[in-house]
Every structure is written in C-alpha cells, then in structure tokens.
Amino acid sequence: MTYVISDIHGCYNEFMEMLRIINFGPDDTLYILGDVIDRGKESIKCLQYIMAAPNIKMLMGNHEQMMIDALTGDCNDVSHHMLNWLENGGTEVFPEFCKLPEDEQVAIMDYVANLPYLAEVKIGEQNFVLVHAGLNVVDNRAKDGAVTTAAVLSEQNYDDMVWIRKKFFRRKALPKSIIVFGHTPIPLLKKHNGSGVWRDKRFQDKIGVDGACVFGGCLLALRLDDLKEFSVKKQ
C-alpha cells in the first residue's frame, strides 16, 4: 500500500501512532510531503527515523528549505536566513541539531539538502502528483491556455512548490492528475476543521492532508490505493 503524510512538525508520538494505525510494514511505501521539522519538540527524532527507513520517501518542505538556507547559505545572507528560520519554528530544532555529533549533523544536512521537491505516483489508472505546498499552474500555461502535466512540472519554481497557497488551491490544477499537498492547514482551506483530509469538490483535482497536528489538530494519512484516510489526534 502507498500512504501520504505531511507536516509532522516534530510530533513524534503522533507519527509513531499513525504508523501503528495503518499497520505500516516493509512492503508498504510512505511519502512524507515535507515539514517534518520545526515547531514540535522531537524534530530530529522524527527526521532520523525517516532517514533510517528505506520505504519512507520524504519531500522538501518550506521548513527544511529554511533550515538548509540558514545553515548553508551564502555568508552575506546567512544571518537573514537564520533569523527567518528561528522566527518560523527553528528555535525548537536548532539547539537540538547543535547537540548532535558532527557526523550526524553532516548526515542530516546531506539528506535534507538532497530532498526532491515533488514525486509522481501512479496507482492503477490514477496519476498523483505529490508536493509540499502546491504547483503554480497559472504561470505555466501554454499561450493557447492549454495545460499539460509534463510542461507544468518541468517549469515549476522551487519556491512555489514549498510556499504557494491561494494561487494554487483556489484554481484548477492539472487535467489528469490529483495533486496531494500539505503546507496549508485544513482549517484554512475550509470553514470547519473536522478530522479528515480536504478534497477539492469544485475541481476534484487536489487533496490537502495538513491536519495542523502541531497546532492541536490531527496528523492525517491518505492511502492512495483507495483514498482511505486515517487520523491521529494531537496528544
């Protein structure tokens, strides 16, 4: 089975409970759509678990991007990037990271720096595009207004894929794929939070899976094989 989770944000216990609930095993695959770190108390623990699991595939989120920019950025910009990271949840993970032995720090930085920004998955006849924040389809349309998945994906801006919000989820996306994304908490996508994923009823081409666990909501998982959803409340 193939599962998708996003925005764990250091909620290690909820993450472990989710793996138990879905009975995650060696024959399954889990995609994590970024934002494993920051805000929560056990970001490094979450990250190390994911790094050690060969059947867990992680994508870049805006919080991982901020971490990389802060710790490896150009000397002229490093203070700006560090301040931006710390103001957006990095105060929890940065001290934790600094306490690690140097070899573990290097391993984490190498892993995070090489995270992909999106993944394409086909389950049966259904195509899925997995990404942290979304895609900028509007700025990548052909002059005649036509949209092809290959063209849109090949021209995406990295910043859009980890930061975009309304310009993505309020508009029609790809014609023959469902985009599964995190980043924007579900309470911001619909009036009532509930405990389930957000499905774009208007265009039927997007599913949001950020249940805002770190803010007191739920950690959500979506099984792509049958679109069944799973939920773990914040402990």
C-alpha atoms as a PDB file:
ATOM      1  CA  MET A   1       0.000   0.000   0.000  1.00  0.00           C
ATOM      2  CA  THR A   2       1.073   3.584  -0.601  1.00  0.00           C
ATOM      3  CA  TYR A   3       0.460   6.278   2.009  1.00  0.00           C
ATOM      4  CA  VAL A   4       0.944  10.047   2.227  1.00  0.00           C
ATOM      5  CA  ILE A   5       1.527  12.168   5.345  1.00  0.00           C
ATOM      6  CA  SER A   6       2.552  15.810   5.627  1.00  0.00           C
ATOM      7  CA  ASP A   7       3.582  18.393   8.214  1.00  0.00           C
ATOM      8  CA  ILE A   8       4.636  16.176  11.111  1.00  0.00           C
ATOM      9  CA  HIS A   9       6.486  19.142  12.676  1.00  0.00           C
ATOM     10  CA  GLY A  10       8.264  17.155  15.353  1.00  0.00           C
ATOM     11  CA  CYS A  11       5.146  15.339  16.603  1.00  0.00           C
ATOM     12  CA  TYR A  12       7.000  12.044  17.036  1.00  0.00           C
ATOM     13  CA  ASN A  13       4.465  10.233  19.225  1.00  0.00           C
ATOM     14  CA  GLU A  14       1.617  11.014  16.842  1.00  0.00           C
ATOM     15  CA  PHE A  15       3.780   9.889  13.921  1.00  0.00           C
ATOM     16  CA  MET A  16       4.533   6.557  15.607  1.00  0.00           C
ATOM     17  CA  GLU A  17       0.848   6.102  16.425  1.00  0.00           C
ATOM     18  CA  MET A  18      -0.071   6.729  12.802  1.00  0.00           C
ATOM     19  CA  LEU A  19       2.383   4.080  11.621  1.00  0.00           C
ATOM     20  CA  ARG A  20       0.760   1.661  14.071  1.00  0.00           C
ATOM     21  CA  ILE A  21      -2.769   2.519  12.920  1.00  0.00           C
ATOM     22  CA  ILE A  22      -2.009   1.985   9.240  1.00  0.00           C
ATOM     23  CA  ASN A  23      -0.026  -1.154  10.103  1.00  0.00           C
ATOM     24  CA  PHE A  24       2.899   0.200   8.118  1.00  0.00           C
ATOM     25  CA  GLY A  25       5.167  -2.628   7.023  1.00  0.00           C
ATOM     26  CA  PRO A  26       8.198  -3.295   4.823  1.00  0.00           C
ATOM     27  CA  ASP A  27       6.031  -3.909   1.757  1.00  0.00           C
ATOM     28  CA  ASP A  28       4.331  -0.503   2.080  1.00  0.00           C
ATOM     29  CA  THR A  29       5.577   2.881   0.897  1.00  0.00           C
ATOM     30  CA  LEU A  30       5.108   6.153   2.741  1.00  0.00           C
ATOM     31  CA  TYR A  31       5.588   9.582   1.188  1.00  0.00           C
ATOM     32  CA  ILE A  32       6.063  12.461   3.605  1.00  0.00           C
ATOM     33  CA  LEU A  33       5.377  15.814   1.970  1.00  0.00           C
ATOM     34  CA  GLY A  34       7.870  17.887   3.923  1.00  0.00           C
ATOM     35  CA  ASP A  35       7.795  19.899   7.151  1.00  0.00           C
ATOM     36  CA  VAL A  36       8.958  17.054   9.328  1.00  0.00           C
ATOM     37  CA  ILE A  37      10.870  19.578  11.438  1.00  0.00           C
ATOM     38  CA  ASP A  38      10.259  22.776  13.477  1.00  0.00           C
ATOM     39  CA  ARG A  39       7.613  23.856  15.983  1.00  0.00           C
ATOM     40  CA  GLY A  40       7.324  20.461  17.694  1.00  0.00           C
ATOM     41  CA  LYS A  41       9.657  19.042  20.346  1.00  0.00           C
ATOM     42  CA  GLU A  42      11.134  15.997  18.583  1.00  0.00           C
ATOM     43  CA  SER A  43      12.037  17.106  15.074  1.00  0.00           C
ATOM     44  CA  ILE A  44      15.438  15.430  14.947  1.00  0.00           C
ATOM     45  CA  LYS A  45      13.998  12.172  16.262  1.00  0.00           C
ATOM     46  CA  CYS A  46      11.368  12.215  13.507  1.00  0.00           C
ATOM     47  CA  LEU A  47      13.961  13.002  10.872  1.00  0.00           C
ATOM     48  CA  GLN A  48      16.352  10.275  11.984  1.00  0.00           C
ATOM     49  CA  TYR A  49      13.562   7.692  11.950  1.00  0.00           C
ATOM     50  CA  ILE A  50      12.639   8.654   8.392  1.00  0.00           C
ATOM     51  CA  MET A  51      16.263   8.629   7.243  1.00  0.00           C
ATOM     52  CA  ALA A  52      16.674   5.073   8.531  1.00  0.00           C
ATOM     53  CA  ALA A  53      13.544   3.717   6.822  1.00  0.00           C
ATOM     54  CA  PRO A  54      14.162   2.609   3.209  1.00  0.00           C
ATOM     55  CA  ASN A  55      10.444   2.591   2.339  1.00  0.00           C
ATOM     56  CA  ILE A  56       9.771   6.151   3.569  1.00  0.00           C
ATOM     57  CA  LYS A  57      10.320   8.829   0.935  1.00  0.00           C
ATOM     58  CA  MET A  58      10.459  12.437   2.096  1.00  0.00           C
ATOM     59  CA  LEU A  59       9.956  15.581   0.019  1.00  0.00           C
ATOM     60  CA  MET A  60      11.267  19.076   0.658  1.00  0.00           C
ATOM     61  CA  GLY A  61       9.065  21.372   2.725  1.00  0.00           C
ATOM     62  CA  ASN A  62       9.463  25.067   3.378  1.00  0.00           C
ATOM     63  CA  HIS A  63      10.793  24.361   6.884  1.00  0.00           C
ATOM     64  CA  GLU A  64      13.502  22.049   5.565  1.00  0.00           C
ATOM     65  CA  GLN A  65      14.299  24.701   2.963  1.00  0.00           C
ATOM     66  CA  MET A  66      14.636  27.345   5.675  1.00  0.00           C
ATOM     67  CA  MET A  67      16.940  25.045   7.628  1.00  0.00           C
ATOM     68  CA  ILE A  68      19.180  24.460   4.625  1.00  0.00           C
ATOM     69  CA  ASP A  69      19.279  28.176   3.771  1.00  0.00           C
ATOM     70  CA  ALA A  70      20.135  29.080   7.362  1.00  0.00           C
ATOM     71  CA  LEU A  71      22.921  26.536   7.788  1.00  0.00           C
ATOM     72  CA  THR A  72      24.477  26.508   4.317  1.00  0.00           C
ATOM     73  CA  GLY A  73      23.516  29.849   2.796  1.00  0.00           C
ATOM     74  CA  ASP A  74      25.814  32.480   1.364  1.00  0.00           C
ATOM     75  CA  CYS A  75      27.770  34.311   4.078  1.00  0.00           C
ATOM     76  CA  ASN A  76      26.123  37.600   3.108  1.00  0.00           C
ATOM     77  CA  ASP A  77      22.651  36.149   3.656  1.00  0.00           C
ATOM     78  CA  VAL A  78      23.181  33.624   6.443  1.00  0.00           C
ATOM     79  CA  SER A  79      22.051  35.943   9.265  1.00  0.00           C
ATOM     80  CA  HIS A  80      18.871  36.809   7.368  1.00  0.00           C
ATOM     81  CA  HIS A  81      18.129  33.141   6.669  1.00  0.00           C
ATOM     82  CA  MET A  82      18.867  32.138  10.265  1.00  0.00           C
ATOM     83  CA  LEU A  83      16.553  34.815  11.654  1.00  0.00           C
ATOM     84  CA  ASN A  84      13.817  33.748   9.246  1.00  0.00           C
ATOM     85  CA  TRP A  85      14.179  30.125  10.300  1.00  0.00           C
ATOM     86  CA  LEU A  86      14.199  30.875  14.031  1.00  0.00           C
ATOM     87  CA  GLU A  87      11.143  33.108  13.720  1.00  0.00           C
ATOM     88  CA  ASN A  88       9.263  30.294  11.976  1.00  0.00           C
ATOM     89  CA  GLY A  89       9.782  27.435  14.408  1.00  0.00           C
ATOM     90  CA  GLY A  90      13.506  26.772  14.160  1.00  0.00           C
ATOM     91  CA  THR A  91      14.056  27.654  17.816  1.00  0.00           C
ATOM     92  CA  GLU A  92      12.919  24.136  18.712  1.00  0.00           C
ATOM     93  CA  VAL A  93      15.158  22.187  16.358  1.00  0.00           C
ATOM     94  CA  PHE A  94      18.313  24.324  16.060  1.00  0.00           C
ATOM     95  CA  PRO A  95      19.570  23.679  19.637  1.00  0.00           C
ATOM     96  CA  GLU A  96      18.691  20.003  19.229  1.00  0.00           C
ATOM     97  CA  PHE A  97      20.665  19.868  15.983  1.00  0.00           C
ATOM     98  CA  CYS A  98      23.697  21.609  17.528  1.00  0.00           C
ATOM     99  CA  LYS A  99      23.964  18.974  20.276  1.00  0.00           C
ATOM    100  CA  LEU A 100      24.434  16.179  17.731  1.00  0.00           C
ATOM    101  CA  PRO A 101      27.889  14.772  16.936  1.00  0.00           C
ATOM    102  CA  GLU A 102      29.400  16.330  13.830  1.00  0.00           C
ATOM    103  CA  ASP A 103      29.000  13.193  11.718  1.00  0.00           C
ATOM    104  CA  GLU A 104      25.271  13.085  12.494  1.00  0.00           C
ATOM    105  CA  GLN A 105      24.930  16.760  11.636  1.00  0.00           C
ATOM    106  CA  VAL A 106      26.625  16.151   8.294  1.00  0.00           C
ATOM    107  CA  ALA A 107      24.405  13.149   7.549  1.00  0.00           C
ATOM    108  CA  ILE A 108      21.242  15.146   8.268  1.00  0.00           C
ATOM    109  CA  MET A 109      22.341  18.125   6.209  1.00  0.00           C
ATOM    110  CA  ASP A 110      23.278  15.899   3.281  1.00  0.00           C
ATOM    111  CA  TYR A 111      19.917  14.110   3.447  1.00  0.00           C
ATOM    112  CA  VAL A 112      17.831  17.274   3.717  1.00  0.00           C
ATOM    113  CA  ALA A 113      19.775  19.176   1.058  1.00  0.00           C
ATOM    114  CA  ASN A 114      19.076  16.422  -1.468  1.00  0.00           C
ATOM    115  CA  LEU A 115      15.348  16.016  -0.845  1.00  0.00           C
ATOM    116  CA  PRO A 116      13.229  16.074  -4.025  1.00  0.00           C
ATOM    117  CA  TYR A 117      10.545  18.740  -4.392  1.00  0.00           C
ATOM    118  CA  LEU A 118       7.867  16.521  -5.899  1.00  0.00           C
ATOM    119  CA  ALA A 119       7.027  12.941  -6.760  1.00  0.00           C
ATOM    120  CA  GLU A 120       4.749  11.354  -9.345  1.00  0.00           C
ATOM    121  CA  VAL A 121       2.939   8.170  -8.360  1.00  0.00           C
ATOM    122  CA  LYS A 122       0.571   6.049 -10.427  1.00  0.00           C
ATOM    123  CA  ILE A 123      -1.871   3.748  -8.642  1.00  0.00           C
ATOM    124  CA  GLY A 124      -3.856   1.713 -11.147  1.00  0.00           C
ATOM    125  CA  GLU A 125      -5.103   4.260 -13.701  1.00  0.00           C
ATOM    126  CA  GLN A 126      -4.893   7.261 -11.372  1.00  0.00           C
ATOM    127  CA  ASN A 127      -1.945   9.658 -11.523  1.00  0.00           C
ATOM    128  CA  PHE A 128      -0.914  11.513  -8.377  1.00  0.00           C
ATOM    129  CA  VAL A 129       1.482  14.412  -8.053  1.00  0.00           C
ATOM    130  CA  LEU A 130       2.849  14.789  -4.528  1.00  0.00           C
ATOM    131  CA  VAL A 131       4.282  18.136  -3.413  1.00  0.00           C
ATOM    132  CA  HIS A 132       4.577  20.088  -0.195  1.00  0.00           C
ATOM    133  CA  ALA A 133       2.680  23.319  -0.942  1.00  0.00           C
ATOM    134  CA  GLY A 134       1.323  23.016  -4.473  1.00  0.00           C
ATOM    135  CA  LEU A 135       2.054  23.976  -8.068  1.00  0.00           C
ATOM    136  CA  ASN A 136       1.917  27.242  -9.965  1.00  0.00           C
ATOM    137  CA  VAL A 137      -0.222  26.146 -12.895  1.00  0.00           C
ATOM    138  CA  VAL A 138      -1.418  29.635 -13.873  1.00  0.00           C
ATOM    139  CA  ASP A 139       2.047  30.924 -14.709  1.00  0.00           C
ATOM    140  CA  ASN A 140       2.905  27.761 -16.640  1.00  0.00           C
ATOM    141  CA  ARG A 141       0.023  27.579 -19.081  1.00  0.00           C
ATOM    142  CA  ALA A 142       0.715  27.452 -22.797  1.00  0.00           C
ATOM    143  CA  LYS A 143      -0.139  30.561 -24.812  1.00  0.00           C
ATOM    144  CA  ASP A 144      -3.352  28.920 -26.007  1.00  0.00           C
ATOM    145  CA  GLY A 145      -4.373  28.263 -22.413  1.00  0.00           C
ATOM    146  CA  ALA A 146      -3.761  24.513 -22.626  1.00  0.00           C
ATOM    147  CA  VAL A 147      -2.221  22.667 -19.709  1.00  0.00           C
ATOM    148  CA  THR A 148      -0.135  19.516 -19.834  1.00  0.00           C
ATOM    149  CA  THR A 149       1.242  17.849 -16.725  1.00  0.00           C
ATOM    150  CA  ALA A 150       4.706  17.384 -18.202  1.00  0.00           C
ATOM    151  CA  ALA A 151       5.007  21.048 -19.176  1.00  0.00           C
ATOM    152  CA  VAL A 152       3.794  22.325 -15.811  1.00  0.00           C
ATOM    153  CA  LEU A 153       6.080  20.062 -13.791  1.00  0.00           C
ATOM    154  CA  SER A 154       9.140  20.841 -15.888  1.00  0.00           C
ATOM    155  CA  GLU A 155       8.761  24.594 -15.352  1.00  0.00           C
ATOM    156  CA  GLN A 156       7.980  24.756 -11.655  1.00  0.00           C
ATOM    157  CA  ASN A 157       9.782  27.197  -9.378  1.00  0.00           C
ATOM    158  CA  TYR A 158      11.192  25.596  -6.233  1.00  0.00           C
ATOM    159  CA  ASP A 159       9.830  28.411  -4.059  1.00  0.00           C
ATOM    160  CA  ASP A 160       6.300  27.824  -5.355  1.00  0.00           C
ATOM    161  CA  MET A 161       6.474  24.124  -4.557  1.00  0.00           C
ATOM    162  CA  VAL A 162       7.228  24.792  -0.880  1.00  0.00           C
ATOM    163  CA  TRP A 163       5.469  28.141  -0.293  1.00  0.00           C
ATOM    164  CA  ILE A 164       2.490  28.628  -2.656  1.00  0.00           C
ATOM    165  CA  ARG A 165      -1.009  28.827  -1.168  1.00  0.00           C
ATOM    166  CA  LYS A 166      -4.109  30.564  -2.598  1.00  0.00           C
ATOM    167  CA  LYS A 167      -2.710  30.887  -6.107  1.00  0.00           C
ATOM    168  CA  PHE A 168      -2.708  27.097  -6.150  1.00  0.00           C
ATOM    169  CA  PHE A 169      -5.609  25.740  -4.125  1.00  0.00           C
ATOM    170  CA  ARG A 170      -8.203  28.254  -5.339  1.00  0.00           C
ATOM    171  CA  ARG A 171      -7.646  27.438  -9.014  1.00  0.00           C
ATOM    172  CA  LYS A 172      -7.913  24.473 -11.335  1.00  0.00           C
ATOM    173  CA  ALA A 173      -4.714  22.456 -11.407  1.00  0.00           C
ATOM    174  CA  LEU A 174      -3.725  19.542 -13.650  1.00  0.00           C
ATOM    175  CA  PRO A 175      -6.180  17.874 -16.058  1.00  0.00           C
ATOM    176  CA  LYS A 176      -5.340  14.211 -15.490  1.00  0.00           C
ATOM    177  CA  SER A 177      -3.722  14.094 -12.058  1.00  0.00           C
ATOM    178  CA  ILE A 178      -4.691  14.585  -8.438  1.00  0.00           C
ATOM    179  CA  ILE A 179      -2.271  16.788  -6.534  1.00  0.00           C
ATOM    180  CA  VAL A 180      -1.786  15.757  -2.908  1.00  0.00           C
ATOM    181  CA  PHE A 181      -0.276  18.537  -0.802  1.00  0.00           C
ATOM    182  CA  GLY A 182       0.328  19.789   2.730  1.00  0.00           C
ATOM    183  CA  HIS A 183       1.626  23.176   3.936  1.00  0.00           C
ATOM    184  CA  THR A 184      -1.743  24.938   4.211  1.00  0.00           C
ATOM    185  CA  PRO A 185      -3.585  23.664   7.317  1.00  0.00           C
ATOM    186  CA  ILE A 186      -7.034  22.301   6.529  1.00  0.00           C
ATOM    187  CA  PRO A 187      -8.759  24.866   8.789  1.00  0.00           C
ATOM    188  CA  LEU A 188      -7.532  27.490   6.311  1.00  0.00           C
ATOM    189  CA  LEU A 189      -8.934  25.508   3.385  1.00  0.00           C
ATOM    190  CA  LYS A 190     -12.445  25.088   4.740  1.00  0.00           C
ATOM    191  CA  LYS A 191     -14.604  26.682   7.404  1.00  0.00           C
ATOM    192  CA  HIS A 192     -14.904  23.651   9.656  1.00  0.00           C
ATOM    193  CA  ASN A 193     -11.820  21.644  10.597  1.00  0.00           C
ATOM    194  CA  GLY A 194     -13.229  18.210  11.382  1.00  0.00           C
ATOM    195  CA  SER A 195     -10.680  15.411  11.327  1.00  0.00           C
ATOM    196  CA  GLY A 196     -10.448  14.477   7.669  1.00  0.00           C
ATOM    197  CA  VAL A 197      -8.458  15.474   4.617  1.00  0.00           C
ATOM    198  CA  TRP A 198      -9.587  18.337   2.383  1.00  0.00           C
ATOM    199  CA  ARG A 199     -10.878  17.331  -1.041  1.00  0.00           C
ATOM    200  CA  ASP A 200     -11.345  19.955  -3.730  1.00  0.00           C
ATOM    201  CA  LYS A 201     -15.022  19.431  -4.556  1.00  0.00           C
ATOM    202  CA  ARG A 202     -15.050  22.158  -7.205  1.00  0.00           C
ATOM    203  CA  PHE A 203     -12.242  20.930  -9.452  1.00  0.00           C
ATOM    204  CA  GLN A 204     -11.731  17.427  -7.978  1.00  0.00           C
ATOM    205  CA  ASP A 205      -8.006  17.644  -8.657  1.00  0.00           C
ATOM    206  CA  LYS A 206      -6.487  18.345  -5.212  1.00  0.00           C
ATOM    207  CA  ILE A 207      -6.350  16.754  -1.774  1.00  0.00           C
ATOM    208  CA  GLY A 208      -4.903  18.588   1.242  1.00  0.00           C
ATOM    209  CA  VAL A 209      -3.507  16.484   4.079  1.00  0.00           C
ATOM    210  CA  ASP A 210      -2.132  19.001   6.608  1.00  0.00           C
ATOM    211  CA  GLY A 211      -4.327  18.474   9.653  1.00  0.00           C
ATOM    212  CA  ALA A 212      -2.391  21.044  11.746  1.00  0.00           C
ATOM    213  CA  CYS A 213      -1.287  18.443  14.287  1.00  0.00           C
ATOM    214  CA  VAL A 214       1.345  20.642  15.927  1.00  0.00           C
ATOM    215  CA  PHE A 215      -1.291  23.325  16.481  1.00  0.00           C
ATOM    216  CA  GLY A 216      -3.634  20.951  18.301  1.00  0.00           C
ATOM    217  CA  GLY A 217      -5.315  19.383  15.270  1.00  0.00           C
ATOM    218  CA  CYS A 218      -4.687  15.939  13.795  1.00  0.00           C
ATOM    219  CA  LEU A 219      -1.951  14.098  11.968  1.00  0.00           C
ATOM    220  CA  LEU A 220      -3.559  12.771   8.789  1.00  0.00           C
ATOM    221  CA  ALA A 221      -2.619   9.988   6.388  1.00  0.00           C
ATOM    222  CA  LEU A 222      -4.103   9.213   2.988  1.00  0.00           C
ATOM    223  CA  ARG A 223      -3.859   5.758   1.413  1.00  0.00           C
ATOM    224  CA  LEU A 224      -3.560   6.323  -2.316  1.00  0.00           C
ATOM    225  CA  ASP A 225      -4.722   2.828  -3.251  1.00  0.00           C
ATOM    226  CA  ASP A 226      -8.321   3.514  -2.199  1.00  0.00           C
ATOM    227  CA  LEU A 227      -8.168   7.146  -0.897  1.00  0.00           C
ATOM    228  CA  LYS A 228      -8.985   5.977   2.617  1.00  0.00           C
ATOM    229  CA  GLU A 229      -7.930   8.465   5.277  1.00  0.00           C
ATOM    230  CA  PHE A 230      -6.581   7.972   8.777  1.00  0.00           C
ATOM    231  CA  SER A 231      -6.351  10.411  11.674  1.00  0.00           C
ATOM    232  CA  VAL A 232      -4.411  10.732  14.927  1.00  0.00           C
ATOM    233  CA  LYS A 233      -5.350  13.496  17.345  1.00  0.00           C
ATOM    234  CA  LYS A 234      -2.670  15.659  18.922  1.00  0.00           C
ATOM    235  CA  GLN A 235      -1.619  14.103  22.236  1.00  0.00           C
END
